[in-house]
C-alpha atoms as a PDB file:
ATOM      1  CA  MET A   1      53.416  26.087  39.532  1.00  0.00           C
ATOM      2  CA  ARG A   2      51.749  27.234  36.300  1.00  0.00           C
ATOM      3  CA  ARG A   3      53.031  24.165  34.482  1.00  0.00           C
ATOM      4  CA  LEU A   4      51.630  21.903  37.190  1.00  0.00           C
ATOM      5  CA  LEU A   5      48.236  23.631  37.009  1.00  0.00           C
ATOM      6  CA  PHE A   6      48.248  23.417  33.210  1.00  0.00           C
ATOM      7  CA  LEU A   7      49.125  19.717  33.350  1.00  0.00           C
ATOM      8  CA  ALA A   8      46.339  19.048  35.878  1.00  0.00           C
ATOM      9  CA  LEU A   9      43.801  20.839  33.669  1.00  0.00           C
ATOM     10  CA  LEU A  10      44.989  18.952  30.602  1.00  0.00           C
ATOM     11  CA  VAL A  11      44.675  15.580  32.360  1.00  0.00           C
ATOM     12  CA  GLY A  12      41.226  16.551  33.662  1.00  0.00           C
ATOM     13  CA  PHE A  13      40.044  17.528  30.167  1.00  0.00           C
ATOM     14  CA  ALA A  14      41.405  14.288  28.707  1.00  0.00           C
ATOM     15  CA  THR A  15      39.593  12.293  31.372  1.00  0.00           C
ATOM     16  CA  ILE A  16      36.280  14.044  30.690  1.00  0.00           C
ATOM     17  CA  THR A  17      36.726  13.543  26.947  1.00  0.00           C
ATOM     18  CA  ALA A  18      37.581   9.874  27.422  1.00  0.00           C
ATOM     19  CA  LYS A  19      34.375   9.314  29.419  1.00  0.00           C
ATOM     20  CA  ALA A  20      32.227  10.563  26.522  1.00  0.00           C
ATOM     21  CA  GLN A  21      30.820   7.465  24.865  1.00  0.00           C
ATOM     22  CA  ASP A  22      30.643   7.965  21.112  1.00  0.00           C
ATOM     23  CA  PRO A  23      27.557   6.110  19.809  1.00  0.00           C
ATOM     24  CA  ALA A  24      29.443   4.232  17.064  1.00  0.00           C
ATOM     25  CA  LYS A  25      32.054   3.010  19.554  1.00  0.00           C
ATOM     26  CA  ALA A  26      29.720   2.372  22.507  1.00  0.00           C
ATOM     27  CA  ASP A  27      27.132   0.524  20.407  1.00  0.00           C
ATOM     28  CA  PRO A  28      28.319  -0.530  16.928  1.00  0.00           C
ATOM     29  CA  LYS A  29      25.386  -2.954  16.652  1.00  0.00           C
ATOM     30  CA  HIS A  30      22.929  -0.039  16.454  1.00  0.00           C
ATOM     31  CA  PHE A  31      25.062   2.860  15.106  1.00  0.00           C
ATOM     32  CA  LYS A  32      26.863   2.510  11.765  1.00  0.00           C
ATOM     33  CA  VAL A  33      29.156   5.256  10.427  1.00  0.00           C
ATOM     34  CA  GLU A  34      28.088   6.008   6.833  1.00  0.00           C
ATOM     35  CA  ILE A  35      30.319   9.045   6.170  1.00  0.00           C
ATOM     36  CA  ASP A  36      33.200  10.434   8.222  1.00  0.00           C
ATOM     37  CA  ASN A  37      35.304  13.273   6.836  1.00  0.00           C
ATOM     38  CA  ALA A  38      36.489  16.772   7.772  1.00  0.00           C
ATOM     39  CA  GLN A  39      33.081  18.343   7.053  1.00  0.00           C
ATOM     40  CA  VAL A  40      30.515  15.854   8.338  1.00  0.00           C
ATOM     41  CA  ARG A  41      29.953  12.556  10.103  1.00  0.00           C
ATOM     42  CA  VAL A  42      26.784  10.640   9.257  1.00  0.00           C
ATOM     43  CA  LEU A  43      25.511   7.735  11.372  1.00  0.00           C
ATOM     44  CA  ARG A  44      22.701   5.301  10.572  1.00  0.00           C
ATOM     45  CA  TYR A  45      20.887   4.296  13.750  1.00  0.00           C
ATOM     46  CA  THR A  46      18.649   1.215  13.765  1.00  0.00           C
ATOM     47  CA  LEU A  47      16.804  -0.390  16.650  1.00  0.00           C
ATOM     48  CA  ALA A  48      14.431  -3.363  16.413  1.00  0.00           C
ATOM     49  CA  PRO A  49      11.289  -3.508  18.584  1.00  0.00           C
ATOM     50  CA  GLY A  50      12.230  -4.221  22.194  1.00  0.00           C
ATOM     51  CA  GLU A  51      15.934  -3.440  21.714  1.00  0.00           C
ATOM     52  CA  LYS A  52      17.861  -0.917  23.792  1.00  0.00           C
ATOM     53  CA  THR A  53      21.091   0.917  23.000  1.00  0.00           C
ATOM     54  CA  ALA A  54      24.157   1.063  25.192  1.00  0.00           C
ATOM     55  CA  ALA A  55      24.586   4.338  27.076  1.00  0.00           C
ATOM     56  CA  HIS A  56      26.226   6.911  24.813  1.00  0.00           C
ATOM     57  CA  GLU A  57      26.453  10.639  24.148  1.00  0.00           C
ATOM     58  CA  HIS A  58      26.860  12.828  21.123  1.00  0.00           C
ATOM     59  CA  ALA A  59      29.930  15.082  21.127  1.00  0.00           C
ATOM     60  CA  ARG A  60      28.193  17.872  19.238  1.00  0.00           C
ATOM     61  CA  PRO A  61      24.719  19.066  18.272  1.00  0.00           C
ATOM     62  CA  HIS A  62      23.328  17.226  15.265  1.00  0.00           C
ATOM     63  CA  VAL A  63      20.441  16.847  12.842  1.00  0.00           C
ATOM     64  CA  GLU A  64      18.252  13.740  12.993  1.00  0.00           C
ATOM     65  CA  VAL A  65      16.199  12.481  10.040  1.00  0.00           C
ATOM     66  CA  GLN A  66      13.563   9.902  10.974  1.00  0.00           C
ATOM     67  CA  LEU A  67      13.223   7.228   8.288  1.00  0.00           C
ATOM     68  CA  THR A  68      10.471   5.201   9.963  1.00  0.00           C
ATOM     69  CA  ASP A  69       7.357   5.731  12.044  1.00  0.00           C
ATOM     70  CA  SER A  70       8.319   4.432  15.492  1.00  0.00           C
ATOM     71  CA  LYS A  71       7.948   4.839  19.237  1.00  0.00           C
ATOM     72  CA  GLU A  72      11.095   5.362  21.279  1.00  0.00           C
ATOM     73  CA  LYS A  73      12.040   5.980  24.909  1.00  0.00           C
ATOM     74  CA  THR A  74      15.114   8.095  25.674  1.00  0.00           C
ATOM     75  CA  THR A  75      16.505   7.866  29.196  1.00  0.00           C
ATOM     76  CA  ILE A  76      19.195  10.206  30.518  1.00  0.00           C
ATOM     77  CA  VAL A  77      21.639   8.267  32.711  1.00  0.00           C
ATOM     78  CA  GLY A  78      20.515   8.832  36.298  1.00  0.00           C
ATOM     79  CA  GLY A  79      17.233  10.405  35.182  1.00  0.00           C
ATOM     80  CA  GLN A  80      13.795   9.558  33.917  1.00  0.00           C
ATOM     81  CA  GLY A  81      12.860   8.535  30.418  1.00  0.00           C
ATOM     82  CA  THR A  82      10.683  10.315  27.890  1.00  0.00           C
ATOM     83  CA  VAL A  83       8.739   8.584  25.139  1.00  0.00           C
ATOM     84  CA  SER A  84       8.498  10.097  21.668  1.00  0.00           C
ATOM     85  CA  GLN A  85       6.420   9.145  18.665  1.00  0.00           C
ATOM     86  CA  ASN A  86       8.641   9.438  15.573  1.00  0.00           C
ATOM     87  CA  LYS A  87       7.170  10.139  12.144  1.00  0.00           C
ATOM     88  CA  ALA A  88       9.001   9.128   8.973  1.00  0.00           C
ATOM     89  CA  GLY A  89      10.378  12.212   7.233  1.00  0.00           C
ATOM     90  CA  ARG A  90      10.615  14.347  10.385  1.00  0.00           C
ATOM     91  CA  VAL A  91      13.836  16.359  10.552  1.00  0.00           C
ATOM     92  CA  GLU A  92      14.965  17.909  13.823  1.00  0.00           C
ATOM     93  CA  TRP A  93      17.926  19.685  15.380  1.00  0.00           C
ATOM     94  CA  GLU A  94      19.247  18.070  18.565  1.00  0.00           C
ATOM     95  CA  GLY A  95      21.501  19.777  21.057  1.00  0.00           C
ATOM     96  CA  ILE A  96      23.871  17.877  23.315  1.00  0.00           C
ATOM     97  CA  VAL A  97      21.625  15.776  25.549  1.00  0.00           C
ATOM     98  CA  GLY A  98      24.207  14.119  27.765  1.00  0.00           C
ATOM     99  CA  LYS A  99      24.788  10.434  28.347  1.00  0.00           C
ATOM    100  CA  HIS A 100      21.621   8.499  27.528  1.00  0.00           C
ATOM    101  CA  SER A 101      20.195   5.281  26.150  1.00  0.00           C
ATOM    102  CA  ASN A 102      17.340   4.662  23.724  1.00  0.00           C
ATOM    103  CA  GLU A 103      14.771   1.884  23.740  1.00  0.00           C
ATOM    104  CA  ASN A 104      12.356   0.921  20.992  1.00  0.00           C
ATOM    105  CA  VAL A 105       9.060   0.652  22.908  1.00  0.00           C
ATOM    106  CA  GLY A 106       6.969   0.300  19.763  1.00  0.00           C
ATOM    107  CA  ASP A 107       6.294  -2.575  17.408  1.00  0.00           C
ATOM    108  CA  THR A 108       8.091  -1.166  14.343  1.00  0.00           C
ATOM    109  CA  PRO A 109      11.849  -0.660  13.790  1.00  0.00           C
ATOM    110  CA  VAL A 110      13.508   2.688  14.523  1.00  0.00           C
ATOM    111  CA  GLU A 111      15.712   3.893  11.672  1.00  0.00           C
ATOM    112  CA  THR A 112      17.292   7.338  11.868  1.00  0.00           C
ATOM    113  CA  ILE A 113      20.075   9.217  10.088  1.00  0.00           C
ATOM    114  CA  VAL A 114      22.201  11.326  12.468  1.00  0.00           C
ATOM    115  CA  ILE A 115      24.177  14.161  10.817  1.00  0.00           C
ATOM    116  CA  GLU A 116      26.981  15.802  12.797  1.00  0.00           C
ATOM    117  CA  LEU A 117      28.362  18.943  11.142  1.00  0.00           C
ATOM    118  CA  ARG A 118      31.996  19.797  11.824  1.00  0.00           C
ATOM    119  CA  ASN A 119      33.993  23.028  11.749  1.00  0.00           C
ATOM    120  CA  LEU A 120      31.053  25.378  12.192  1.00  0.00           C
END
């Protein structure tokens, strides 16, 4: 009975993990892996005016560095969107937001570096 329960939990965890949509895999057009090693994974995120990302989610909290001034809408899947005005040079800590998409609602490109720290 314990083995069956353990197996059911393991399959459930694997299913939940499989549903998480890594940005670089869900949307390689907009997310490029710059560095990926045991300590850190760094993504470069670019989005032209009017473009929208595929739905994705980040597996861990991360740091975002805005490289451009831009205007972006983030929409949680099944929820409402929020618009943010990004300033070049702004650095911010992001928790796990859940599955979402981003849309460039401004007239300048979005370019952001996403830094995921590992083994903390």
